[in-house]
């Protein structure tokens, strides 16, 4: 159980270092916070997408299967 802590003009939920480590997160982790209709919060960690890495992988797949993609598009 955690209590809100004052943080400037806002409030924060302190997260112990041990909890971050067990969740494989660090101090740079980003979180999605949703207000639930029945009350309460849902807090989930989110990973940022490395767009360059994703594009590189897409290009590799496209190059490898270029002929297959062309046949699928033509059918």
PDB file of N, CA and C in Angstrom:
ATOM      1  N   UNK A   1       0.851  -1.174   0.000  1.00  0.00           N
ATOM      2  CA  UNK A   1       0.000   0.000   0.000  1.00  0.00           C
ATOM      3  C   UNK A   1       0.894   1.234   0.000  1.00  0.00           C
ATOM      4  N   UNK A   2       0.535   2.185  -0.809  1.00  0.00           N
ATOM      5  CA  UNK A   2       1.282   3.438  -0.897  1.00  0.00           C
ATOM      6  C   UNK A   2       0.334   4.606  -0.696  1.00  0.00           C
ATOM      7  N   UNK A   3       0.851   5.667  -0.138  1.00  0.00           N
ATOM      8  CA  UNK A   3       0.104   6.911  -0.017  1.00  0.00           C
ATOM      9  C   UNK A   3       0.689   7.902  -1.004  1.00  0.00           C
ATOM     10  N   UNK A   4      -0.148   8.813  -1.460  1.00  0.00           N
ATOM     11  CA  UNK A   4       0.330   9.857  -2.346  1.00  0.00           C
ATOM     12  C   UNK A   4       1.315  10.744  -1.601  1.00  0.00           C
ATOM     13  N   UNK A   5       2.320  11.208  -2.302  1.00  0.00           N
ATOM     14  CA  UNK A   5       3.317  12.111  -1.736  1.00  0.00           C
ATOM     15  C   UNK A   5       3.254  13.430  -2.499  1.00  0.00           C
ATOM     16  N   UNK A   6       3.404  14.536  -1.792  1.00  0.00           N
ATOM     17  CA  UNK A   6       3.405  15.860  -2.409  1.00  0.00           C
ATOM     18  C   UNK A   6       4.652  15.988  -3.276  1.00  0.00           C
ATOM     19  N   UNK A   7       4.462  16.507  -4.499  1.00  0.00           N
ATOM     20  CA  UNK A   7       5.568  16.658  -5.435  1.00  0.00           C
ATOM     21  C   UNK A   7       5.349  17.974  -6.164  1.00  0.00           C
ATOM     22  N   UNK A   8       5.888  19.072  -5.637  1.00  0.00           N
ATOM     23  CA  UNK A   8       5.648  20.401  -6.194  1.00  0.00           C
ATOM     24  C   UNK A   8       4.187  20.753  -6.043  1.00  0.00           C
ATOM     25  N   UNK A   9       3.516  21.101  -7.154  1.00  0.00           N
ATOM     26  CA  UNK A   9       2.085  21.407  -7.130  1.00  0.00           C
ATOM     27  C   UNK A   9       1.240  20.167  -7.409  1.00  0.00           C
ATOM     28  N   UNK A  10       1.852  19.010  -7.462  1.00  0.00           N
ATOM     29  CA  UNK A  10       1.156  17.769  -7.804  1.00  0.00           C
ATOM     30  C   UNK A  10       1.371  16.738  -6.707  1.00  0.00           C
ATOM     31  N   UNK A  11       0.868  15.545  -6.986  1.00  0.00           N
ATOM     32  CA  UNK A  11       1.088  14.410  -6.094  1.00  0.00           C
ATOM     33  C   UNK A  11       1.730  13.294  -6.887  1.00  0.00           C
ATOM     34  N   UNK A  12       2.438  12.417  -6.189  1.00  0.00           N
ATOM     35  CA  UNK A  12       3.127  11.303  -6.843  1.00  0.00           C
ATOM     36  C   UNK A  12       2.914  10.041  -6.031  1.00  0.00           C
ATOM     37  N   UNK A  13       2.998   8.911  -6.716  1.00  0.00           N
ATOM     38  CA  UNK A  13       2.969   7.616  -6.036  1.00  0.00           C
ATOM     39  C   UNK A  13       4.405   7.110  -6.032  1.00  0.00           C
ATOM     40  N   UNK A  14       5.051   7.085  -4.873  1.00  0.00           N
ATOM     41  CA  UNK A  14       6.445   6.610  -4.826  1.00  0.00           C
ATOM     42  C   UNK A  14       6.507   5.113  -5.130  1.00  0.00           C
ATOM     43  N   UNK A  15       7.463   4.731  -5.967  1.00  0.00           N
ATOM     44  CA  UNK A  15       7.659   3.323  -6.308  1.00  0.00           C
ATOM     45  C   UNK A  15       9.050   2.922  -5.837  1.00  0.00           C
ATOM     46  N   UNK A  16       9.097   1.919  -4.973  1.00  0.00           N
ATOM     47  CA  UNK A  16      10.376   1.459  -4.442  1.00  0.00           C
ATOM     48  C   UNK A  16      11.269   0.932  -5.553  1.00  0.00           C
ATOM     49  N   UNK A  17      12.565   1.127  -5.387  1.00  0.00           N
ATOM     50  CA  UNK A  17      13.543   0.651  -6.355  1.00  0.00           C
ATOM     51  C   UNK A  17      13.423  -0.865  -6.545  1.00  0.00           C
ATOM     52  N   UNK A  18      13.158  -1.565  -5.461  1.00  0.00           N
ATOM     53  CA  UNK A  18      13.029  -3.021  -5.494  1.00  0.00           C
ATOM     54  C   UNK A  18      11.875  -3.435  -6.408  1.00  0.00           C
ATOM     55  N   UNK A  19      10.757  -2.709  -6.344  1.00  0.00           N
ATOM     56  CA  UNK A  19       9.596  -3.012  -7.177  1.00  0.00           C
ATOM     57  C   UNK A  19       9.926  -2.776  -8.641  1.00  0.00           C
ATOM     58  N   UNK A  20      10.595  -1.669  -8.947  1.00  0.00           N
ATOM     59  CA  UNK A  20      11.006  -1.397 -10.325  1.00  0.00           C
ATOM     60  C   UNK A  20      11.908  -2.511 -10.847  1.00  0.00           C
ATOM     61  N   UNK A  21      12.845  -2.944 -10.016  1.00  0.00           N
ATOM     62  CA  UNK A  21      13.784  -3.983 -10.435  1.00  0.00           C
ATOM     63  C   UNK A  21      13.046  -5.299 -10.705  1.00  0.00           C
ATOM     64  N   UNK A  22      12.104  -5.659  -9.821  1.00  0.00           N
ATOM     65  CA  UNK A  22      11.346  -6.902 -10.000  1.00  0.00           C
ATOM     66  C   UNK A  22      10.487  -6.852 -11.265  1.00  0.00           C
ATOM     67  N   UNK A  23      10.036  -5.655 -11.648  1.00  0.00           N
ATOM     68  CA  UNK A  23       9.219  -5.488 -12.853  1.00  0.00           C
ATOM     69  C   UNK A  23      10.086  -5.252 -14.087  1.00  0.00           C
ATOM     70  N   UNK A  24      11.409  -5.321 -13.926  1.00  0.00           N
ATOM     71  CA  UNK A  24      12.369  -5.081 -15.015  1.00  0.00           C
ATOM     72  C   UNK A  24      12.189  -3.686 -15.612  1.00  0.00           C
ATOM     73  N   UNK A  25      11.988  -2.701 -14.755  1.00  0.00           N
ATOM     74  CA  UNK A  25      11.846  -1.307 -15.154  1.00  0.00           C
ATOM     75  C   UNK A  25      12.960  -0.495 -14.526  1.00  0.00           C
ATOM     76  N   UNK A  26      13.175   0.712 -15.027  1.00  0.00           N
ATOM     77  CA  UNK A  26      14.133   1.614 -14.406  1.00  0.00           C
ATOM     78  C   UNK A  26      13.483   2.977 -14.220  1.00  0.00           C
ATOM     79  N   UNK A  27      14.262   3.939 -13.760  1.00  0.00           N
ATOM     80  CA  UNK A  27      13.700   5.261 -13.455  1.00  0.00           C
ATOM     81  C   UNK A  27      13.244   6.012 -14.706  1.00  0.00           C
ATOM     82  N   UNK A  28      13.591   5.513 -15.890  1.00  0.00           N
ATOM     83  CA  UNK A  28      13.160   6.153 -17.139  1.00  0.00           C
ATOM     84  C   UNK A  28      11.904   5.509 -17.728  1.00  0.00           C
ATOM     85  N   UNK A  29      11.316   4.550 -17.020  1.00  0.00           N
ATOM     86  CA  UNK A  29      10.129   3.859 -17.519  1.00  0.00           C
ATOM     87  C   UNK A  29       8.976   4.841 -17.688  1.00  0.00           C
ATOM     88  N   UNK A  30       8.124   4.547 -18.674  1.00  0.00           N
ATOM     89  CA  UNK A  30       6.941   5.373 -18.914  1.00  0.00           C
ATOM     90  C   UNK A  30       5.713   4.548 -18.566  1.00  0.00           C
ATOM     91  N   UNK A  31       4.679   5.244 -18.103  1.00  0.00           N
ATOM     92  CA  UNK A  31       3.475   4.568 -17.655  1.00  0.00           C
ATOM     93  C   UNK A  31       2.245   5.170 -18.312  1.00  0.00           C
ATOM     94  N   UNK A  32       1.275   4.326 -18.594  1.00  0.00           N
ATOM     95  CA  UNK A  32      -0.030   4.746 -19.078  1.00  0.00           C
ATOM     96  C   UNK A  32      -0.970   4.669 -17.874  1.00  0.00           C
ATOM     97  N   UNK A  33      -1.648   5.765 -17.572  1.00  0.00           N
ATOM     98  CA  UNK A  33      -2.553   5.813 -16.425  1.00  0.00           C
ATOM     99  C   UNK A  33      -3.956   6.083 -16.935  1.00  0.00           C
ATOM    100  N   UNK A  34      -4.889   5.189 -16.586  1.00  0.00           N
ATOM    101  CA  UNK A  34      -6.282   5.341 -16.999  1.00  0.00           C
ATOM    102  C   UNK A  34      -7.162   5.463 -15.760  1.00  0.00           C
ATOM    103  N   UNK A  35      -8.143   6.357 -15.845  1.00  0.00           N
ATOM    104  CA  UNK A  35      -9.142   6.474 -14.790  1.00  0.00           C
ATOM    105  C   UNK A  35     -10.261   5.506 -15.134  1.00  0.00           C
ATOM    106  N   UNK A  36     -10.562   4.579 -14.236  1.00  0.00           N
ATOM    107  CA  UNK A  36     -11.596   3.581 -14.479  1.00  0.00           C
ATOM    108  C   UNK A  36     -12.982   4.170 -14.227  1.00  0.00           C
ATOM    109  N   UNK A  37     -13.977   3.788 -15.042  1.00  0.00           N
ATOM    110  CA  UNK A  37     -15.326   4.349 -14.890  1.00  0.00           C
ATOM    111  C   UNK A  37     -15.918   4.116 -13.504  1.00  0.00           C
ATOM    112  N   UNK A  38     -15.636   2.980 -12.887  1.00  0.00           N
ATOM    113  CA  UNK A  38     -16.184   2.683 -11.567  1.00  0.00           C
ATOM    114  C   UNK A  38     -15.359   3.269 -10.434  1.00  0.00           C
ATOM    115  N   UNK A  39     -14.330   4.017 -10.765  1.00  0.00           N
ATOM    116  CA  UNK A  39     -13.428   4.590  -9.770  1.00  0.00           C
ATOM    117  C   UNK A  39     -12.105   3.844  -9.754  1.00  0.00           C
ATOM    118  N   UNK A  40     -11.088   4.511  -9.357  1.00  0.00           N
ATOM    119  CA  UNK A  40      -9.768   3.905  -9.281  1.00  0.00           C
ATOM    120  C   UNK A  40      -8.928   4.191 -10.515  1.00  0.00           C
ATOM    121  N   UNK A  41      -7.714   3.682 -10.488  1.00  0.00           N
ATOM    122  CA  UNK A  41      -6.756   3.901 -11.569  1.00  0.00           C
ATOM    123  C   UNK A  41      -6.220   2.568 -12.061  1.00  0.00           C
ATOM    124  N   UNK A  42      -5.885   2.520 -13.334  1.00  0.00           N
ATOM    125  CA  UNK A  42      -5.165   1.402 -13.920  1.00  0.00           C
ATOM    126  C   UNK A  42      -3.838   1.962 -14.400  1.00  0.00           C
ATOM    127  N   UNK A  43      -2.746   1.431 -13.870  1.00  0.00           N
ATOM    128  CA  UNK A  43      -1.410   1.930 -14.224  1.00  0.00           C
ATOM    129  C   UNK A  43      -0.640   0.789 -14.880  1.00  0.00           C
ATOM    130  N   UNK A  44      -0.165   1.015 -16.118  1.00  0.00           N
ATOM    131  CA  UNK A  44       0.600   0.017 -16.854  1.00  0.00           C
ATOM    132  C   UNK A  44       1.879   0.640 -17.376  1.00  0.00           C
ATOM    133  N   UNK A  45       2.951  -0.124 -17.334  1.00  0.00           N
ATOM    134  CA  UNK A  45       4.185   0.359 -17.950  1.00  0.00           C
ATOM    135  C   UNK A  45       4.070   0.158 -19.453  1.00  0.00           C
ATOM    136  N   UNK A  46       4.680   1.042 -20.207  1.00  0.00           N
ATOM    137  CA  UNK A  46       4.666   0.953 -21.663  1.00  0.00           C
ATOM    138  C   UNK A  46       6.092   1.083 -22.182  1.00  0.00           C
ATOM    139  N   UNK A  47       6.346   0.382 -23.260  1.00  0.00           N
ATOM    140  CA  UNK A  47       7.658   0.470 -23.895  1.00  0.00           C
ATOM    141  C   UNK A  47       7.543   1.354 -25.119  1.00  0.00           C
ATOM    142  N   UNK A  48       8.517   2.194 -25.312  1.00  0.00           N
ATOM    143  CA  UNK A  48       8.539   3.012 -26.519  1.00  0.00           C
ATOM    144  C   UNK A  48       9.022   2.165 -27.678  1.00  0.00           C
ATOM    145  N   UNK A  49       8.450   2.402 -28.820  1.00  0.00           N
ATOM    146  CA  UNK A  49       8.826   1.666 -30.023  1.00  0.00           C
ATOM    147  C   UNK A  49      10.049   2.328 -30.642  1.00  0.00           C
ATOM    148  N   UNK A  50      11.047   1.514 -30.941  1.00  0.00           N
ATOM    149  CA  UNK A  50      12.230   2.005 -31.649  1.00  0.00           C
ATOM    150  C   UNK A  50      11.895   1.967 -33.138  1.00  0.00           C
ATOM    151  N   UNK A  51      11.414   3.091 -33.662  1.00  0.00           N
ATOM    152  CA  UNK A  51      10.915   3.135 -35.039  1.00  0.00           C
ATOM    153  C   UNK A  51      11.997   2.782 -36.068  1.00  0.00           C
ATOM    154  N   UNK A  52      13.206   3.212 -35.828  1.00  0.00           N
ATOM    155  CA  UNK A  52      14.296   2.912 -36.769  1.00  0.00           C
ATOM    156  C   UNK A  52      14.526   1.403 -36.843  1.00  0.00           C
ATOM    157  N   UNK A  53      14.558   0.763 -35.682  1.00  0.00           N
ATOM    158  CA  UNK A  53      14.765  -0.682 -35.642  1.00  0.00           C
ATOM    159  C   UNK A  53      13.606  -1.409 -36.327  1.00  0.00           C
ATOM    160  N   UNK A  54      12.371  -0.937 -36.086  1.00  0.00           N
ATOM    161  CA  UNK A  54      11.201  -1.542 -36.690  1.00  0.00           C
ATOM    162  C   UNK A  54      11.245  -1.400 -38.217  1.00  0.00           C
ATOM    163  N   UNK A  55      11.604  -0.216 -38.705  1.00  0.00           N
ATOM    164  CA  UNK A  55      11.688   0.003 -40.150  1.00  0.00           C
ATOM    165  C   UNK A  55      12.773  -0.866 -40.775  1.00  0.00           C
ATOM    166  N   UNK A  56      13.903  -1.004 -40.087  1.00  0.00           N
ATOM    167  CA  UNK A  56      14.976  -1.856 -40.596  1.00  0.00           C
ATOM    168  C   UNK A  56      14.492  -3.302 -40.730  1.00  0.00           C
ATOM    169  N   UNK A  57      13.761  -3.789 -39.720  1.00  0.00           N
ATOM    170  CA  UNK A  57      13.242  -5.153 -39.772  1.00  0.00           C
ATOM    171  C   UNK A  57      12.220  -5.316 -40.897  1.00  0.00           C
ATOM    172  N   UNK A  58      11.355  -4.310 -41.069  1.00  0.00           N
ATOM    173  CA  UNK A  58      10.376  -4.360 -42.158  1.00  0.00           C
ATOM    174  C   UNK A  58      11.079  -4.416 -43.507  1.00  0.00           C
ATOM    175  N   UNK A  59      12.116  -3.625 -43.682  1.00  0.00           N
ATOM    176  CA  UNK A  59      12.868  -3.613 -44.940  1.00  0.00           C
ATOM    177  C   UNK A  59      13.537  -4.956 -45.202  1.00  0.00           C
ATOM    178  N   UNK A  60      14.069  -5.584 -44.162  1.00  0.00           N
ATOM    179  CA  UNK A  60      14.689  -6.902 -44.330  1.00  0.00           C
ATOM    180  C   UNK A  60      13.663  -7.931 -44.769  1.00  0.00           C
ATOM    181  N   UNK A  61      12.500  -7.904 -44.114  1.00  0.00           N
ATOM    182  CA  UNK A  61      11.442  -8.853 -44.463  1.00  0.00           C
ATOM    183  C   UNK A  61      10.964  -8.597 -45.892  1.00  0.00           C
ATOM    184  N   UNK A  62      10.760  -7.331 -46.236  1.00  0.00           N
ATOM    185  CA  UNK A  62      10.307  -7.007 -47.587  1.00  0.00           C
ATOM    186  C   UNK A  62      11.326  -7.476 -48.630  1.00  0.00           C
ATOM    187  N   UNK A  63      12.603  -7.232 -48.373  1.00  0.00           N
ATOM    188  CA  UNK A  63      13.641  -7.650 -49.325  1.00  0.00           C
ATOM    189  C   UNK A  63      13.655  -9.168 -49.488  1.00  0.00           C
ATOM    190  N   UNK A  64      13.525  -9.877 -48.380  1.00  0.00           N
ATOM    191  CA  UNK A  64      13.589 -11.342 -48.414  1.00  0.00           C
ATOM    192  C   UNK A  64      12.375 -11.941 -49.127  1.00  0.00           C
ATOM    193  N   UNK A  65      11.188 -11.359 -48.928  1.00  0.00           N
ATOM    194  CA  UNK A  65       9.947 -11.919 -49.461  1.00  0.00           C
ATOM    195  C   UNK A  65       9.293 -11.022 -50.515  1.00  0.00           C
ATOM    196  N   UNK A  66      10.104 -10.233 -51.223  1.00  0.00           N
ATOM    197  CA  UNK A  66       9.587  -9.290 -52.214  1.00  0.00           C
ATOM    198  C   UNK A  66       8.712  -9.980 -53.259  1.00  0.00           C
ATOM    199  N   UNK A  67       9.162 -11.111 -53.771  1.00  0.00           N
ATOM    200  CA  UNK A  67       8.397 -11.821 -54.801  1.00  0.00           C
ATOM    201  C   UNK A  67       7.069 -12.334 -54.249  1.00  0.00           C
ATOM    202  N   UNK A  68       7.064 -12.827 -53.032  1.00  0.00           N
ATOM    203  CA  UNK A  68       5.828 -13.314 -52.416  1.00  0.00           C
ATOM    204  C   UNK A  68       4.832 -12.162 -52.248  1.00  0.00           C
ATOM    205  N   UNK A  69       5.280 -11.028 -51.757  1.00  0.00           N
ATOM    206  CA  UNK A  69       4.399  -9.891 -51.578  1.00  0.00           C
ATOM    207  C   UNK A  69       3.813  -9.430 -52.929  1.00  0.00           C
ATOM    208  N   UNK A  70       4.636  -9.482 -53.967  1.00  0.00           N
ATOM    209  CA  UNK A  70       4.157  -9.071 -55.292  1.00  0.00           C
ATOM    210  C   UNK A  70       3.071 -10.027 -55.776  1.00  0.00           C
ATOM    211  N   UNK A  71       3.301 -11.345 -55.609  1.00  0.00           N
ATOM    212  CA  UNK A  71       2.291 -12.327 -56.034  1.00  0.00           C
ATOM    213  C   UNK A  71       0.994 -12.158 -55.245  1.00  0.00           C
ATOM    214  N   UNK A  72       1.107 -11.879 -53.947  1.00  0.00           N
ATOM    215  CA  UNK A  72      -0.094 -11.680 -53.130  1.00  0.00           C
ATOM    216  C   UNK A  72      -0.862 -10.437 -53.570  1.00  0.00           C
ATOM    217  N   UNK A  73      -0.136  -9.383 -53.904  1.00  0.00           N
ATOM    218  CA  UNK A  73      -0.785  -8.143 -54.332  1.00  0.00           C
ATOM    219  C   UNK A  73      -1.469  -8.313 -55.688  1.00  0.00           C
ATOM    220  N   UNK A  74      -0.885  -9.153 -56.560  1.00  0.00           N
ATOM    221  CA  UNK A  74      -1.442  -9.356 -57.893  1.00  0.00           C
ATOM    222  C   UNK A  74      -2.638 -10.305 -57.898  1.00  0.00           C
ATOM    223  N   UNK A  75      -2.781 -11.114 -56.858  1.00  0.00           N
ATOM    224  CA  UNK A  75      -3.894 -12.099 -56.875  1.00  0.00           C
ATOM    225  C   UNK A  75      -5.181 -11.532 -56.340  1.00  0.00           C
TER     226      UNK A  75
END
